[in-house]
Amino acid sequence: MRALLLTVLASGCIPTDARFDGQEYTPDTGWELTEPTGCVPDEALAVSRDELDFSADIETHYRSSGSPPNPDDWGYAGVGTTSMTSGNEALDGHWFAGRFSGATHTAPLDRLGTNWGIYREDASGLALLGVASGAPDVTALTYSPAVQLWTWPLAAGSSVQTDAVATGLYDGDSYPMDVGFGNEITLTHSYDVSVDGAGQVEVDAGIFDAQRVHIALTAVGTDNFTIEYGRVQTDSWLFVAPCAGLVARITDTGFMGLGL
């Protein structure tokens, strides 16, 4: 079962009738008049750091669907029935703010805001520092090392793999979890991230040249004797366009969900 989030309007980020043509795009006066941040896509299909804004003052309006779309379709206009508003936020005001040193922003991982990703964006790229629940004192896992999602520029063909030890709270329990007799259960989250395609994706906001990022997560709990106490796998596909940012996200509904 997969869930789909579709961007239908990014406030202060893109005009609703934005159209990209092939791998090159020349902005018209309409773009310039409705684009207060001054972001204009260059002629390269790869997404540079200057073409993505992670600030916390841009809200994105989505429609979501629980139907299982195919990430190879690249066409999702008219899909979705549930409206929502989301966006990056500063950590200040979130109960988990003090647990993630060096974070630049946080964003919900699912349409209900049940779980949040905590990120660091800098000149080296975008990293996931951990995950947390929206409700206090339920889940707050920090990653060691941080999970590098991508480096700049974001371009098809790049990939990175990270095995991160997740420590802190999960479902109210502390990890590593002491199970007695000197034995502990440790959580490991393994991320395989690849930019596995580039092309035009269509959503209600328009047609965008985008990079498709596939995020495969395997979460495993093992004890000191390498006995597994649980294993969960989930996949997400992010469609990321220059200046517009995340325009579609397809996510398995198992585990926590993933995204930006």
C-alpha atoms as a PDB file:
ATOM      1  CA  MET A   1       0.000   0.000   0.000  1.00  0.00           C
ATOM      2  CA  ARG A   2       1.401   3.371  -0.981  1.00  0.00           C
ATOM      3  CA  ALA A   3       0.285   6.878  -0.227  1.00  0.00           C
ATOM      4  CA  LEU A   4       0.698   9.872  -2.477  1.00  0.00           C
ATOM      5  CA  LEU A   5       1.202  13.530  -1.617  1.00  0.00           C
ATOM      6  CA  LEU A   6       0.851  15.989  -4.492  1.00  0.00           C
ATOM      7  CA  THR A   7       1.819  19.638  -4.466  1.00  0.00           C
ATOM      8  CA  VAL A   8      -0.971  21.761  -5.894  1.00  0.00           C
ATOM      9  CA  LEU A   9       0.432  25.173  -4.956  1.00  0.00           C
ATOM     10  CA  ALA A  10       3.621  26.276  -3.232  1.00  0.00           C
ATOM     11  CA  SER A  11       2.854  29.687  -1.762  1.00  0.00           C
ATOM     12  CA  GLY A  12       5.480  32.272  -2.649  1.00  0.00           C
ATOM     13  CA  CYS A  13       7.422  29.636  -4.572  1.00  0.00           C
ATOM     14  CA  ILE A  14       5.843  28.865  -7.953  1.00  0.00           C
ATOM     15  CA  PRO A  15       2.993  30.176 -10.081  1.00  0.00           C
ATOM     16  CA  THR A  16       0.072  27.778 -10.503  1.00  0.00           C
ATOM     17  CA  ASP A  17       0.470  27.656 -14.283  1.00  0.00           C
ATOM     18  CA  ALA A  18       4.216  26.992 -14.342  1.00  0.00           C
ATOM     19  CA  ARG A  19       5.227  24.852 -17.335  1.00  0.00           C
ATOM     20  CA  PHE A  20       8.598  23.390 -18.098  1.00  0.00           C
ATOM     21  CA  ASP A  21       9.546  22.347 -21.624  1.00  0.00           C
ATOM     22  CA  GLY A  22      12.126  19.577 -21.970  1.00  0.00           C
ATOM     23  CA  GLN A  23      15.408  20.083 -20.158  1.00  0.00           C
ATOM     24  CA  GLU A  24      15.498  23.836 -20.655  1.00  0.00           C
ATOM     25  CA  TYR A  25      13.130  26.440 -19.282  1.00  0.00           C
ATOM     26  CA  THR A  26      13.002  30.150 -19.976  1.00  0.00           C
ATOM     27  CA  PRO A  27      10.910  31.996 -17.381  1.00  0.00           C
ATOM     28  CA  ASP A  28       8.322  34.455 -18.720  1.00  0.00           C
ATOM     29  CA  THR A  29       7.162  37.672 -17.053  1.00  0.00           C
ATOM     30  CA  GLY A  30       4.466  35.753 -15.186  1.00  0.00           C
ATOM     31  CA  TRP A  31       7.106  33.757 -13.336  1.00  0.00           C
ATOM     32  CA  GLU A  32       9.071  36.871 -12.513  1.00  0.00           C
ATOM     33  CA  LEU A  33       6.002  38.667 -11.193  1.00  0.00           C
ATOM     34  CA  THR A  34       4.881  35.804  -8.951  1.00  0.00           C
ATOM     35  CA  GLU A  35       8.290  34.613  -7.746  1.00  0.00           C
ATOM     36  CA  PRO A  36       9.292  36.956  -4.869  1.00  0.00           C
ATOM     37  CA  THR A  37      12.262  34.833  -3.778  1.00  0.00           C
ATOM     38  CA  GLY A  38      13.975  35.490  -7.106  1.00  0.00           C
ATOM     39  CA  CYS A  39      14.608  31.812  -7.811  1.00  0.00           C
ATOM     40  CA  VAL A  40      14.781  31.129 -11.539  1.00  0.00           C
ATOM     41  CA  PRO A  41      15.679  27.655 -12.878  1.00  0.00           C
ATOM     42  CA  ASP A  42      18.870  27.485 -14.896  1.00  0.00           C
ATOM     43  CA  GLU A  43      19.180  25.433 -18.078  1.00  0.00           C
ATOM     44  CA  ALA A  44      20.621  22.360 -16.323  1.00  0.00           C
ATOM     45  CA  LEU A  45      18.239  19.571 -15.360  1.00  0.00           C
ATOM     46  CA  ALA A  46      20.284  18.871 -12.192  1.00  0.00           C
ATOM     47  CA  VAL A  47      19.030  20.763  -9.130  1.00  0.00           C
ATOM     48  CA  SER A  48      21.612  23.105  -7.606  1.00  0.00           C
ATOM     49  CA  ARG A  49      21.625  24.408  -4.046  1.00  0.00           C
ATOM     50  CA  ASP A  50      20.517  27.827  -5.278  1.00  0.00           C
ATOM     51  CA  GLU A  51      17.400  26.233  -6.795  1.00  0.00           C
ATOM     52  CA  LEU A  52      15.973  24.829  -3.547  1.00  0.00           C
ATOM     53  CA  ASP A  53      14.689  26.877  -0.633  1.00  0.00           C
ATOM     54  CA  PHE A  54      14.524  25.105   2.742  1.00  0.00           C
ATOM     55  CA  SER A  55      13.396  28.147   4.709  1.00  0.00           C
ATOM     56  CA  ALA A  56      10.557  27.773   7.163  1.00  0.00           C
ATOM     57  CA  ASP A  57       8.362  30.537   5.702  1.00  0.00           C
ATOM     58  CA  ILE A  58       7.142  28.732   2.572  1.00  0.00           C
ATOM     59  CA  GLU A  59       3.947  26.739   2.942  1.00  0.00           C
ATOM     60  CA  THR A  60       2.965  24.081   0.427  1.00  0.00           C
ATOM     61  CA  HIS A  61      -0.611  23.047  -0.231  1.00  0.00           C
ATOM     62  CA  TYR A  62      -1.105  19.377  -1.015  1.00  0.00           C
ATOM     63  CA  ARG A  63      -3.752  16.927  -2.042  1.00  0.00           C
ATOM     64  CA  SER A  64      -3.218  13.429  -0.758  1.00  0.00           C
ATOM     65  CA  SER A  65      -4.443  10.025  -1.822  1.00  0.00           C
ATOM     66  CA  GLY A  66      -4.354   6.606  -0.188  1.00  0.00           C
ATOM     67  CA  SER A  67      -4.456   4.819  -3.539  1.00  0.00           C
ATOM     68  CA  PRO A  68      -1.320   2.946  -4.636  1.00  0.00           C
ATOM     69  CA  PRO A  69       0.108   4.969  -7.565  1.00  0.00           C
ATOM     70  CA  ASN A  70       3.040   3.781  -9.629  1.00  0.00           C
ATOM     71  CA  PRO A  71       6.200   5.877  -9.169  1.00  0.00           C
ATOM     72  CA  ASP A  72       7.028   5.170 -12.835  1.00  0.00           C
ATOM     73  CA  ASP A  73       3.889   6.971 -14.058  1.00  0.00           C
ATOM     74  CA  TRP A  74       5.228  10.550 -13.658  1.00  0.00           C
ATOM     75  CA  GLY A  75       1.667  11.818 -14.132  1.00  0.00           C
ATOM     76  CA  TYR A  76      -0.489  12.563 -11.065  1.00  0.00           C
ATOM     77  CA  ALA A  77      -2.726  15.479 -12.048  1.00  0.00           C
ATOM     78  CA  GLY A  78      -6.230  15.103 -10.662  1.00  0.00           C
ATOM     79  CA  VAL A  79      -5.167  12.494  -8.124  1.00  0.00           C
ATOM     80  CA  GLY A  80      -6.025  12.972  -4.458  1.00  0.00           C
ATOM     81  CA  THR A  81      -9.044  14.005  -2.462  1.00  0.00           C
ATOM     82  CA  THR A  82      -7.730  15.191   0.924  1.00  0.00           C
ATOM     83  CA  SER A  83      -6.292  18.714   1.176  1.00  0.00           C
ATOM     84  CA  MET A  84      -3.526  19.649   3.578  1.00  0.00           C
ATOM     85  CA  THR A  85      -0.933  22.344   4.169  1.00  0.00           C
ATOM     86  CA  SER A  86       2.630  21.507   5.056  1.00  0.00           C
ATOM     87  CA  GLY A  87       6.122  22.929   4.924  1.00  0.00           C
ATOM     88  CA  ASN A  88       9.493  23.207   6.580  1.00  0.00           C
ATOM     89  CA  GLU A  89       9.505  24.550  10.116  1.00  0.00           C
ATOM     90  CA  ALA A  90      12.072  25.802  12.574  1.00  0.00           C
ATOM     91  CA  LEU A  91      12.721  23.405  15.468  1.00  0.00           C
ATOM     92  CA  ASP A  92      11.835  26.059  18.020  1.00  0.00           C
ATOM     93  CA  GLY A  93       8.496  25.184  19.581  1.00  0.00           C
ATOM     94  CA  HIS A  94       8.757  21.449  18.908  1.00  0.00           C
ATOM     95  CA  TRP A  95       9.208  19.257  21.963  1.00  0.00           C
ATOM     96  CA  PHE A  96      12.197  17.477  20.376  1.00  0.00           C
ATOM     97  CA  ALA A  97      14.088  20.673  19.510  1.00  0.00           C
ATOM     98  CA  GLY A  98      16.862  20.162  22.062  1.00  0.00           C
ATOM     99  CA  ARG A  99      17.674  16.629  20.912  1.00  0.00           C
ATOM    100  CA  PHE A 100      19.071  17.430  17.449  1.00  0.00           C
ATOM    101  CA  SER A 101      22.187  19.565  17.439  1.00  0.00           C
ATOM    102  CA  GLY A 102      23.008  21.310  14.176  1.00  0.00           C
ATOM    103  CA  ALA A 103      19.547  20.901  12.629  1.00  0.00           C
ATOM    104  CA  THR A 104      18.392  23.604  10.222  1.00  0.00           C
ATOM    105  CA  HIS A 105      14.716  22.634   9.923  1.00  0.00           C
ATOM    106  CA  THR A 106      12.085  19.961  10.431  1.00  0.00           C
ATOM    107  CA  ALA A 107       9.200  18.771   8.262  1.00  0.00           C
ATOM    108  CA  PRO A 108       6.347  16.254   8.654  1.00  0.00           C
ATOM    109  CA  LEU A 109       6.916  12.783   7.241  1.00  0.00           C
ATOM    110  CA  ASP A 110       3.241  11.975   6.810  1.00  0.00           C
ATOM    111  CA  ARG A 111       0.033  13.799   5.999  1.00  0.00           C
ATOM    112  CA  LEU A 112      -1.178  13.829   9.617  1.00  0.00           C
ATOM    113  CA  GLY A 113       2.032  15.191  11.130  1.00  0.00           C
ATOM    114  CA  THR A 114       2.365  12.065  13.267  1.00  0.00           C
ATOM    115  CA  ASN A 115       6.101  11.822  12.572  1.00  0.00           C
ATOM    116  CA  TRP A 116       8.715  14.405  11.659  1.00  0.00           C
ATOM    117  CA  GLY A 117      12.094  14.347   9.967  1.00  0.00           C
ATOM    118  CA  ILE A 118      14.871  16.558  11.303  1.00  0.00           C
ATOM    119  CA  TYR A 119      17.301  17.864   8.680  1.00  0.00           C
ATOM    120  CA  ARG A 120      20.561  19.722   8.169  1.00  0.00           C
ATOM    121  CA  GLU A 121      21.037  21.554   4.880  1.00  0.00           C
ATOM    122  CA  ASP A 122      24.441  23.048   4.064  1.00  0.00           C
ATOM    123  CA  ALA A 123      26.984  23.340   1.285  1.00  0.00           C
ATOM    124  CA  SER A 124      27.618  19.590   1.383  1.00  0.00           C
ATOM    125  CA  GLY A 125      23.971  18.665   0.726  1.00  0.00           C
ATOM    126  CA  LEU A 126      20.925  17.536   2.672  1.00  0.00           C
ATOM    127  CA  ALA A 127      21.237  15.214   5.677  1.00  0.00           C
ATOM    128  CA  LEU A 128      18.606  13.517   7.842  1.00  0.00           C
ATOM    129  CA  LEU A 129      19.635  13.813  11.507  1.00  0.00           C
ATOM    130  CA  GLY A 130      16.813  11.699  12.883  1.00  0.00           C
ATOM    131  CA  VAL A 131      13.071  11.289  13.285  1.00  0.00           C
ATOM    132  CA  ALA A 132      10.594  12.246  15.987  1.00  0.00           C
ATOM    133  CA  SER A 133       6.904  12.019  16.793  1.00  0.00           C
ATOM    134  CA  GLY A 134       4.621  15.013  16.836  1.00  0.00           C
ATOM    135  CA  ALA A 135       3.337  13.897  20.244  1.00  0.00           C
ATOM    136  CA  PRO A 136       5.769  14.532  23.129  1.00  0.00           C
ATOM    137  CA  ASP A 137       7.865  11.776  24.671  1.00  0.00           C
ATOM    138  CA  VAL A 138       6.914   9.051  22.178  1.00  0.00           C
ATOM    139  CA  THR A 139       9.658   8.887  19.533  1.00  0.00           C
ATOM    140  CA  ALA A 140      12.864  10.875  19.118  1.00  0.00           C
ATOM    141  CA  LEU A 141      15.658   8.935  17.427  1.00  0.00           C
ATOM    142  CA  THR A 142      18.971  10.525  16.506  1.00  0.00           C
ATOM    143  CA  TYR A 143      21.149   8.992  13.789  1.00  0.00           C
ATOM    144  CA  SER A 144      24.841   8.223  14.083  1.00  0.00           C
ATOM    145  CA  PRO A 145      26.106   8.983  11.541  1.00  0.00           C
ATOM    146  CA  ALA A 146      23.642  11.425  10.033  1.00  0.00           C
ATOM    147  CA  VAL A 147      22.033  10.064   6.867  1.00  0.00           C
ATOM    148  CA  GLN A 148      23.252  11.920   3.779  1.00  0.00           C
ATOM    149  CA  LEU A 149      20.258  12.115   1.447  1.00  0.00           C
ATOM    150  CA  TRP A 150      22.122  13.848  -1.361  1.00  0.00           C
ATOM    151  CA  THR A 151      24.955  16.168  -2.267  1.00  0.00           C
ATOM    152  CA  TRP A 152      24.818  19.160  -4.588  1.00  0.00           C
ATOM    153  CA  PRO A 153      23.884  19.197  -7.357  1.00  0.00           C
ATOM    154  CA  LEU A 154      20.972  16.736  -7.166  1.00  0.00           C
ATOM    155  CA  ALA A 155      21.328  14.748 -10.385  1.00  0.00           C
ATOM    156  CA  ALA A 156      20.270  11.394 -11.807  1.00  0.00           C
ATOM    157  CA  GLY A 157      22.865   8.667 -11.334  1.00  0.00           C
ATOM    158  CA  SER A 158      24.043   9.651  -7.865  1.00  0.00           C
ATOM    159  CA  SER A 159      23.580   7.325  -4.895  1.00  0.00           C
ATOM    160  CA  VAL A 160      24.598   6.986  -1.252  1.00  0.00           C
ATOM    161  CA  GLN A 161      24.171   4.265   1.377  1.00  0.00           C
ATOM    162  CA  THR A 162      24.195   4.837   5.143  1.00  0.00           C
ATOM    163  CA  ASP A 163      23.883   2.443   8.081  1.00  0.00           C
ATOM    164  CA  ALA A 164      22.873   4.602  11.039  1.00  0.00           C
ATOM    165  CA  VAL A 165      22.480   3.567  14.664  1.00  0.00           C
ATOM    166  CA  ALA A 166      19.252   5.098  15.974  1.00  0.00           C
ATOM    167  CA  THR A 167      19.350   6.048  19.657  1.00  0.00           C
ATOM    168  CA  GLY A 168      16.780   7.669  21.892  1.00  0.00           C
ATOM    169  CA  LEU A 169      13.044   7.065  22.211  1.00  0.00           C
ATOM    170  CA  TYR A 170      10.907   4.821  20.043  1.00  0.00           C
ATOM    171  CA  ASP A 171       7.269   4.228  20.982  1.00  0.00           C
ATOM    172  CA  GLY A 172       8.075   5.398  24.501  1.00  0.00           C
ATOM    173  CA  ASP A 173      10.963   2.989  25.044  1.00  0.00           C
ATOM    174  CA  SER A 174      14.627   3.945  25.261  1.00  0.00           C
ATOM    175  CA  TYR A 175      17.159   2.533  22.794  1.00  0.00           C
ATOM    176  CA  PRO A 176      19.482   0.777  23.094  1.00  0.00           C
ATOM    177  CA  MET A 177      16.966  -1.191  25.174  1.00  0.00           C
ATOM    178  CA  ASP A 178      18.230  -3.144  28.171  1.00  0.00           C
ATOM    179  CA  VAL A 179      16.621  -6.606  28.099  1.00  0.00           C
ATOM    180  CA  GLY A 180      18.560  -7.939  31.064  1.00  0.00           C
ATOM    181  CA  PHE A 181      21.579 -10.162  31.624  1.00  0.00           C
ATOM    182  CA  GLY A 182      23.822  -7.544  30.025  1.00  0.00           C
ATOM    183  CA  ASN A 183      21.985  -7.775  26.723  1.00  0.00           C
ATOM    184  CA  GLU A 184      20.703  -4.801  24.713  1.00  0.00           C
ATOM    185  CA  ILE A 185      18.573  -4.321  21.604  1.00  0.00           C
ATOM    186  CA  THR A 186      20.029  -1.794  19.179  1.00  0.00           C
ATOM    187  CA  LEU A 187      18.138  -0.122  16.339  1.00  0.00           C
ATOM    188  CA  THR A 188      19.873   0.246  12.981  1.00  0.00           C
ATOM    189  CA  HIS A 189      18.293   2.209  10.146  1.00  0.00           C
ATOM    190  CA  SER A 190      19.908   1.505   6.765  1.00  0.00           C
ATOM    191  CA  TYR A 191      19.180   3.987   3.972  1.00  0.00           C
ATOM    192  CA  ASP A 192      19.841   3.372   0.287  1.00  0.00           C
ATOM    193  CA  VAL A 193      19.247   6.656  -1.530  1.00  0.00           C
ATOM    194  CA  SER A 194      19.529   6.954  -5.297  1.00  0.00           C
ATOM    195  CA  VAL A 195      18.538   9.586  -7.827  1.00  0.00           C
ATOM    196  CA  ASP A 196      17.149   7.014 -10.228  1.00  0.00           C
ATOM    197  CA  GLY A 197      15.525   9.124 -12.917  1.00  0.00           C
ATOM    198  CA  ALA A 198      14.916  12.550 -14.391  1.00  0.00           C
ATOM    199  CA  GLY A 199      12.001  13.762 -16.489  1.00  0.00           C
ATOM    200  CA  GLN A 200       8.749  15.672 -16.485  1.00  0.00           C
ATOM    201  CA  VAL A 201       6.277  15.055 -13.680  1.00  0.00           C
ATOM    202  CA  GLU A 202       2.733  16.375 -13.938  1.00  0.00           C
ATOM    203  CA  VAL A 203       0.695  17.461 -10.913  1.00  0.00           C
ATOM    204  CA  ASP A 204      -2.163  19.913 -10.503  1.00  0.00           C
ATOM    205  CA  ALA A 205       0.261  22.831 -10.227  1.00  0.00           C
ATOM    206  CA  GLY A 206       1.690  22.107 -13.672  1.00  0.00           C
ATOM    207  CA  ILE A 207       4.407  20.117 -15.422  1.00  0.00           C
ATOM    208  CA  PHE A 208       7.881  20.230 -13.920  1.00  0.00           C
ATOM    209  CA  ASP A 209      11.283  18.945 -14.900  1.00  0.00           C
ATOM    210  CA  ALA A 210      12.228  16.904 -11.848  1.00  0.00           C
ATOM    211  CA  GLN A 211      14.725  14.508 -10.371  1.00  0.00           C
ATOM    212  CA  ARG A 212      13.235  11.346  -8.859  1.00  0.00           C
ATOM    213  CA  VAL A 213      14.884  10.305  -5.577  1.00  0.00           C
ATOM    214  CA  HIS A 214      14.297   6.741  -4.364  1.00  0.00           C
ATOM    215  CA  ILE A 215      14.766   6.208  -0.619  1.00  0.00           C
ATOM    216  CA  ALA A 216      14.803   2.595   0.569  1.00  0.00           C
ATOM    217  CA  LEU A 217      14.869   2.136   4.343  1.00  0.00           C
ATOM    218  CA  THR A 218      15.478  -1.063   6.272  1.00  0.00           C
ATOM    219  CA  ALA A 219      14.981  -0.757  10.047  1.00  0.00           C
ATOM    220  CA  VAL A 220      16.282  -3.636  12.176  1.00  0.00           C
ATOM    221  CA  GLY A 221      16.386  -4.278  15.916  1.00  0.00           C
ATOM    222  CA  THR A 222      19.148  -6.698  16.992  1.00  0.00           C
ATOM    223  CA  ASP A 223      20.613  -7.716  20.332  1.00  0.00           C
ATOM    224  CA  ASN A 224      24.214  -8.327  21.347  1.00  0.00           C
ATOM    225  CA  PHE A 225      24.002 -11.840  19.920  1.00  0.00           C
ATOM    226  CA  THR A 226      22.799 -10.521  16.504  1.00  0.00           C
ATOM    227  CA  ILE A 227      19.333 -11.994  17.080  1.00  0.00           C
ATOM    228  CA  GLU A 228      16.724  -9.893  15.230  1.00  0.00           C
ATOM    229  CA  TYR A 229      13.755  -8.625  17.219  1.00  0.00           C
ATOM    230  CA  GLY A 230      12.103  -6.893  14.269  1.00  0.00           C
ATOM    231  CA  ARG A 231      12.679  -5.805  10.677  1.00  0.00           C
ATOM    232  CA  VAL A 232      10.679  -3.309   8.633  1.00  0.00           C
ATOM    233  CA  GLN A 233      11.288  -2.128   5.078  1.00  0.00           C
ATOM    234  CA  THR A 234       9.756   0.860   3.315  1.00  0.00           C
ATOM    235  CA  ASP A 235      10.272   2.805   0.095  1.00  0.00           C
ATOM    236  CA  SER A 236       9.690   6.412  -0.888  1.00  0.00           C
ATOM    237  CA  TRP A 237      10.032   8.307  -4.144  1.00  0.00           C
ATOM    238  CA  LEU A 238      10.492  12.085  -4.121  1.00  0.00           C
ATOM    239  CA  PHE A 239      10.029  14.204  -7.253  1.00  0.00           C
ATOM    240  CA  VAL A 240      12.165  17.334  -6.780  1.00  0.00           C
ATOM    241  CA  ALA A 241      12.008  20.248  -9.225  1.00  0.00           C
ATOM    242  CA  PRO A 242      14.249  23.330  -9.461  1.00  0.00           C
ATOM    243  CA  CYS A 243      12.800  26.261  -7.445  1.00  0.00           C
ATOM    244  CA  ALA A 244       9.490  24.451  -6.909  1.00  0.00           C
ATOM    245  CA  GLY A 245      11.078  21.870  -4.598  1.00  0.00           C
ATOM    246  CA  LEU A 246       9.119  18.738  -3.703  1.00  0.00           C
ATOM    247  CA  VAL A 247       6.209  18.434  -6.152  1.00  0.00           C
ATOM    248  CA  ALA A 248       5.185  14.823  -5.477  1.00  0.00           C
ATOM    249  CA  ARG A 249       5.977  12.150  -2.921  1.00  0.00           C
ATOM    250  CA  ILE A 250       4.994   8.499  -3.020  1.00  0.00           C
ATOM    251  CA  THR A 251       5.514   6.649   0.246  1.00  0.00           C
ATOM    252  CA  ASP A 252       4.854   3.169   1.568  1.00  0.00           C
ATOM    253  CA  THR A 253       2.452   3.455   4.478  1.00  0.00           C
ATOM    254  CA  GLY A 254       4.412   1.031   6.671  1.00  0.00           C
ATOM    255  CA  PHE A 255       6.804   2.176   9.415  1.00  0.00           C
ATOM    256  CA  MET A 256       7.082   5.968   9.736  1.00  0.00           C
ATOM    257  CA  GLY A 257       6.934   7.211   6.183  1.00  0.00           C
ATOM    258  CA  LEU A 258       9.680   9.281   4.638  1.00  0.00           C
ATOM    259  CA  GLY A 259      10.039  12.584   2.803  1.00  0.00           C
ATOM    260  CA  LEU A 260      11.177  16.200   3.079  1.00  0.00           C
END
